[in-house]
Amino acid sequence: MNVIEDYGGHCACCGETRTEFLSVDHVDGGGGILRRAVLYPNAGSRVFYDRVIGDGFPDNIRVLCCNCNMSVGFSGYSPHDRERIIAH
């Protein structure tokens, strides 16, 4: 919760605030690969969150809800981003 709260406590894309739906995202992608292969082999999420806190809450991390996070991961964008582009 400390990590989610420090990054604003809501999805940076759609604004979702229910903590049950929130997750941590690497802004430039590759978080899963980084966690599994480089920084945190065989470690759980707790080690990742401890690292984020220890690194002083770096700028390349943000909070996304699970839907936005999955969309960005699988599609490379969130539907909310496209809606904002169309609206302008």
N, C-alpha and C. Protein backbone atom coordinates (compact mmCIF):
# COMPACT_ATOMS: atom_id res chain seq x y z
N MET A 1 0.81 -1.19 0.00
CA MET A 1 0.00 0.00 0.00
C MET A 1 0.85 1.25 0.00
N ASN A 2 2.02 1.20 0.64
CA ASN A 2 2.89 2.38 0.65
C ASN A 2 3.29 2.78 -0.76
N VAL A 3 3.60 1.79 -1.59
CA VAL A 3 4.02 2.06 -2.96
C VAL A 3 2.85 2.66 -3.75
N ILE A 4 1.69 2.05 -3.66
CA ILE A 4 0.53 2.55 -4.39
C ILE A 4 0.17 3.96 -3.94
N GLU A 5 0.17 4.20 -2.64
CA GLU A 5 -0.15 5.53 -2.12
C GLU A 5 0.88 6.56 -2.56
N ASP A 6 2.16 6.20 -2.55
CA ASP A 6 3.19 7.17 -2.94
C ASP A 6 3.08 7.58 -4.40
N TYR A 7 2.57 6.68 -5.23
CA TYR A 7 2.38 6.99 -6.65
C TYR A 7 0.99 7.54 -6.94
N GLY A 8 0.31 8.05 -5.93
CA GLY A 8 -0.95 8.76 -6.13
C GLY A 8 -2.20 8.02 -5.71
N GLY A 9 -2.14 6.72 -5.50
CA GLY A 9 -3.27 5.96 -5.03
C GLY A 9 -4.39 5.76 -6.03
N HIS A 10 -4.09 5.99 -7.30
CA HIS A 10 -5.11 5.79 -8.34
C HIS A 10 -4.42 5.43 -9.66
N CYS A 11 -5.20 4.86 -10.57
CA CYS A 11 -4.67 4.51 -11.89
C CYS A 11 -4.29 5.78 -12.63
N ALA A 12 -3.07 5.83 -13.10
CA ALA A 12 -2.58 7.01 -13.83
C ALA A 12 -3.27 7.18 -15.18
N CYS A 13 -3.99 6.17 -15.62
CA CYS A 13 -4.66 6.23 -16.92
C CYS A 13 -6.14 6.57 -16.79
N CYS A 14 -6.87 5.77 -16.01
CA CYS A 14 -8.34 5.95 -15.94
C CYS A 14 -8.82 6.54 -14.63
N GLY A 15 -7.96 6.61 -13.62
CA GLY A 15 -8.34 7.20 -12.35
C GLY A 15 -8.93 6.24 -11.33
N GLU A 16 -9.01 4.95 -11.65
CA GLU A 16 -9.55 3.95 -10.72
C GLU A 16 -8.86 4.07 -9.37
N THR A 17 -9.63 4.04 -8.27
CA THR A 17 -9.06 4.20 -6.93
C THR A 17 -9.22 2.97 -6.04
N ARG A 18 -10.00 1.99 -6.45
CA ARG A 18 -10.19 0.80 -5.62
C ARG A 18 -8.90 -0.01 -5.60
N THR A 19 -8.31 -0.11 -4.41
CA THR A 19 -6.99 -0.74 -4.30
C THR A 19 -6.97 -2.18 -4.78
N GLU A 20 -8.12 -2.85 -4.72
CA GLU A 20 -8.17 -4.24 -5.18
C GLU A 20 -7.85 -4.34 -6.67
N PHE A 21 -8.04 -3.26 -7.41
CA PHE A 21 -7.81 -3.25 -8.85
C PHE A 21 -6.47 -2.66 -9.26
N LEU A 22 -5.72 -2.11 -8.32
CA LEU A 22 -4.51 -1.37 -8.68
C LEU A 22 -3.27 -2.26 -8.69
N SER A 23 -2.35 -1.92 -9.58
CA SER A 23 -1.09 -2.64 -9.72
C SER A 23 0.01 -1.64 -10.06
N VAL A 24 1.23 -2.10 -9.97
CA VAL A 24 2.38 -1.26 -10.28
C VAL A 24 2.87 -1.59 -11.68
N ASP A 25 3.19 -0.56 -12.44
CA ASP A 25 3.58 -0.71 -13.84
C ASP A 25 4.91 -0.02 -14.08
N HIS A 26 5.74 -0.62 -14.91
CA HIS A 26 6.95 0.04 -15.39
C HIS A 26 6.56 0.90 -16.59
N VAL A 27 6.81 2.18 -16.52
CA VAL A 27 6.37 3.14 -17.54
C VAL A 27 6.85 2.74 -18.93
N ASP A 28 8.08 2.29 -19.05
CA ASP A 28 8.65 1.94 -20.35
C ASP A 28 8.49 0.47 -20.69
N GLY A 29 7.68 -0.25 -19.93
CA GLY A 29 7.46 -1.67 -20.19
C GLY A 29 8.60 -2.54 -19.69
N GLY A 30 8.44 -3.82 -19.87
CA GLY A 30 9.49 -4.77 -19.52
C GLY A 30 9.58 -5.12 -18.06
N GLY A 31 8.59 -4.75 -17.26
CA GLY A 31 8.65 -5.01 -15.83
C GLY A 31 8.70 -6.48 -15.49
N GLY A 32 7.90 -7.28 -16.16
CA GLY A 32 7.89 -8.71 -15.88
C GLY A 32 9.21 -9.36 -16.18
N ILE A 33 9.78 -9.00 -17.29
CA ILE A 33 11.10 -9.54 -17.66
C ILE A 33 12.15 -9.09 -16.67
N LEU A 34 12.10 -7.82 -16.32
CA LEU A 34 13.07 -7.28 -15.37
C LEU A 34 12.97 -7.99 -14.03
N ARG A 35 11.76 -8.16 -13.53
CA ARG A 35 11.57 -8.83 -12.24
C ARG A 35 12.03 -10.27 -12.28
N ARG A 36 11.67 -10.98 -13.32
CA ARG A 36 11.97 -12.42 -13.37
C ARG A 36 13.43 -12.71 -13.70
N ALA A 37 14.00 -11.98 -14.62
CA ALA A 37 15.30 -12.39 -15.16
C ALA A 37 16.48 -11.61 -14.61
N VAL A 38 16.29 -10.36 -14.25
CA VAL A 38 17.45 -9.53 -13.93
C VAL A 38 17.53 -9.21 -12.44
N LEU A 39 16.54 -8.53 -11.93
CA LEU A 39 16.64 -8.02 -10.57
C LEU A 39 16.12 -8.97 -9.50
N TYR A 40 15.08 -9.71 -9.81
CA TYR A 40 14.40 -10.45 -8.77
C TYR A 40 14.15 -11.91 -9.14
N PRO A 41 15.14 -12.65 -9.60
CA PRO A 41 14.87 -14.04 -9.97
C PRO A 41 14.37 -14.82 -8.74
N ASN A 42 13.31 -15.58 -8.95
CA ASN A 42 12.71 -16.42 -7.91
C ASN A 42 12.21 -15.63 -6.71
N ALA A 43 11.95 -14.35 -6.88
CA ALA A 43 11.45 -13.53 -5.78
C ALA A 43 10.01 -13.11 -6.07
N GLY A 44 9.28 -12.89 -5.03
CA GLY A 44 7.89 -12.46 -5.16
C GLY A 44 7.76 -10.95 -5.25
N SER A 45 6.53 -10.52 -5.27
CA SER A 45 6.23 -9.09 -5.39
C SER A 45 6.79 -8.29 -4.23
N ARG A 46 6.83 -8.88 -3.05
CA ARG A 46 7.33 -8.15 -1.87
C ARG A 46 8.75 -7.64 -2.11
N VAL A 47 9.59 -8.45 -2.70
CA VAL A 47 10.97 -8.03 -2.99
C VAL A 47 10.96 -6.87 -3.97
N PHE A 48 10.09 -6.93 -4.97
CA PHE A 48 9.96 -5.84 -5.94
C PHE A 48 9.55 -4.55 -5.25
N TYR A 49 8.52 -4.61 -4.41
CA TYR A 49 8.06 -3.40 -3.72
C TYR A 49 9.13 -2.85 -2.79
N ASP A 50 9.84 -3.74 -2.09
CA ASP A 50 10.94 -3.29 -1.23
C ASP A 50 12.01 -2.57 -2.05
N ARG A 51 12.26 -3.07 -3.25
CA ARG A 51 13.25 -2.43 -4.12
C ARG A 51 12.79 -1.05 -4.57
N VAL A 52 11.50 -0.92 -4.92
CA VAL A 52 10.94 0.38 -5.31
C VAL A 52 11.11 1.37 -4.17
N ILE A 53 10.77 0.95 -2.96
CA ILE A 53 10.92 1.83 -1.79
C ILE A 53 12.38 2.17 -1.57
N GLY A 54 13.25 1.16 -1.62
CA GLY A 54 14.69 1.37 -1.42
C GLY A 54 15.31 2.28 -2.46
N ASP A 55 14.75 2.26 -3.68
CA ASP A 55 15.27 3.12 -4.75
C ASP A 55 14.66 4.52 -4.71
N GLY A 56 13.85 4.80 -3.68
CA GLY A 56 13.29 6.13 -3.53
C GLY A 56 12.13 6.44 -4.46
N PHE A 57 11.34 5.42 -4.80
CA PHE A 57 10.16 5.59 -5.66
C PHE A 57 10.54 6.22 -7.00
N PRO A 58 11.25 5.48 -7.85
CA PRO A 58 11.74 6.02 -9.12
C PRO A 58 10.62 6.47 -10.07
N ASP A 59 10.96 7.38 -10.96
CA ASP A 59 10.00 7.95 -11.91
C ASP A 59 9.53 6.98 -12.98
N ASN A 60 10.21 5.86 -13.16
CA ASN A 60 9.81 4.91 -14.21
C ASN A 60 8.76 3.91 -13.73
N ILE A 61 8.17 4.17 -12.59
CA ILE A 61 7.11 3.33 -12.02
C ILE A 61 5.85 4.18 -11.91
N ARG A 62 4.69 3.56 -12.13
CA ARG A 62 3.41 4.24 -11.94
C ARG A 62 2.38 3.21 -11.51
N VAL A 63 1.24 3.69 -11.09
CA VAL A 63 0.14 2.82 -10.72
C VAL A 63 -0.84 2.78 -11.88
N LEU A 64 -1.24 1.58 -12.28
CA LEU A 64 -2.31 1.38 -13.25
C LEU A 64 -3.28 0.37 -12.67
N CYS A 65 -4.55 0.47 -13.07
CA CYS A 65 -5.48 -0.59 -12.69
C CYS A 65 -5.13 -1.81 -13.54
N CYS A 66 -5.65 -2.95 -13.13
CA CYS A 66 -5.33 -4.19 -13.85
C CYS A 66 -5.76 -4.13 -15.31
N ASN A 67 -6.92 -3.51 -15.60
CA ASN A 67 -7.38 -3.43 -16.99
C ASN A 67 -6.43 -2.58 -17.84
N CYS A 68 -6.09 -1.41 -17.35
CA CYS A 68 -5.19 -0.55 -18.12
C CYS A 68 -3.81 -1.19 -18.25
N ASN A 69 -3.33 -1.81 -17.19
CA ASN A 69 -2.02 -2.46 -17.21
C ASN A 69 -1.99 -3.59 -18.24
N MET A 70 -3.02 -4.41 -18.26
CA MET A 70 -3.07 -5.52 -19.22
C MET A 70 -3.18 -5.00 -20.65
N SER A 71 -3.99 -3.96 -20.85
CA SER A 71 -4.13 -3.40 -22.19
C SER A 71 -2.81 -2.85 -22.70
N VAL A 72 -2.11 -2.13 -21.86
CA VAL A 72 -0.80 -1.59 -22.25
C VAL A 72 0.17 -2.73 -22.54
N GLY A 73 0.15 -3.75 -21.69
CA GLY A 73 1.06 -4.88 -21.88
C GLY A 73 0.79 -5.67 -23.14
N PHE A 74 -0.48 -5.91 -23.44
CA PHE A 74 -0.82 -6.73 -24.60
C PHE A 74 -0.95 -5.93 -25.89
N SER A 75 -1.46 -4.71 -25.79
CA SER A 75 -1.75 -3.91 -27.00
C SER A 75 -0.79 -2.76 -27.23
N GLY A 76 -0.04 -2.40 -26.20
CA GLY A 76 0.87 -1.27 -26.33
C GLY A 76 0.21 0.07 -26.07
N TYR A 77 -1.06 0.06 -25.71
CA TYR A 77 -1.78 1.30 -25.40
C TYR A 77 -2.99 0.96 -24.54
N SER A 78 -3.55 1.98 -23.94
CA SER A 78 -4.80 1.82 -23.21
C SER A 78 -5.92 2.45 -24.01
N PRO A 79 -7.10 1.86 -24.02
CA PRO A 79 -8.23 2.48 -24.73
C PRO A 79 -8.49 3.91 -24.24
N HIS A 80 -8.21 4.18 -22.98
CA HIS A 80 -8.41 5.53 -22.46
C HIS A 80 -7.51 6.53 -23.17
N ASP A 81 -6.28 6.13 -23.48
CA ASP A 81 -5.37 7.02 -24.22
C ASP A 81 -5.94 7.35 -25.58
N ARG A 82 -6.46 6.34 -26.26
CA ARG A 82 -7.07 6.58 -27.59
C ARG A 82 -8.29 7.49 -27.49
N GLU A 83 -9.10 7.30 -26.46
CA GLU A 83 -10.27 8.16 -26.28
C GLU A 83 -9.87 9.60 -26.07
N ARG A 84 -8.80 9.83 -25.31
CA ARG A 84 -8.34 11.22 -25.08
C ARG A 84 -7.82 11.83 -26.37
N ILE A 85 -7.14 11.06 -27.19
CA ILE A 85 -6.63 11.57 -28.47
C ILE A 85 -7.80 11.95 -29.39
N ILE A 86 -8.79 11.08 -29.46
CA ILE A 86 -9.95 11.34 -30.33
C ILE A 86 -10.72 12.57 -29.84
N ALA A 87 -10.83 12.74 -28.53
CA ALA A 87 -11.58 13.85 -27.96
C ALA A 87 -10.94 15.21 -28.24
N HIS A 88 -9.64 15.20 -28.49
CA HIS A 88 -8.95 16.47 -28.73
C HIS A 88 -8.86 16.67 -30.19
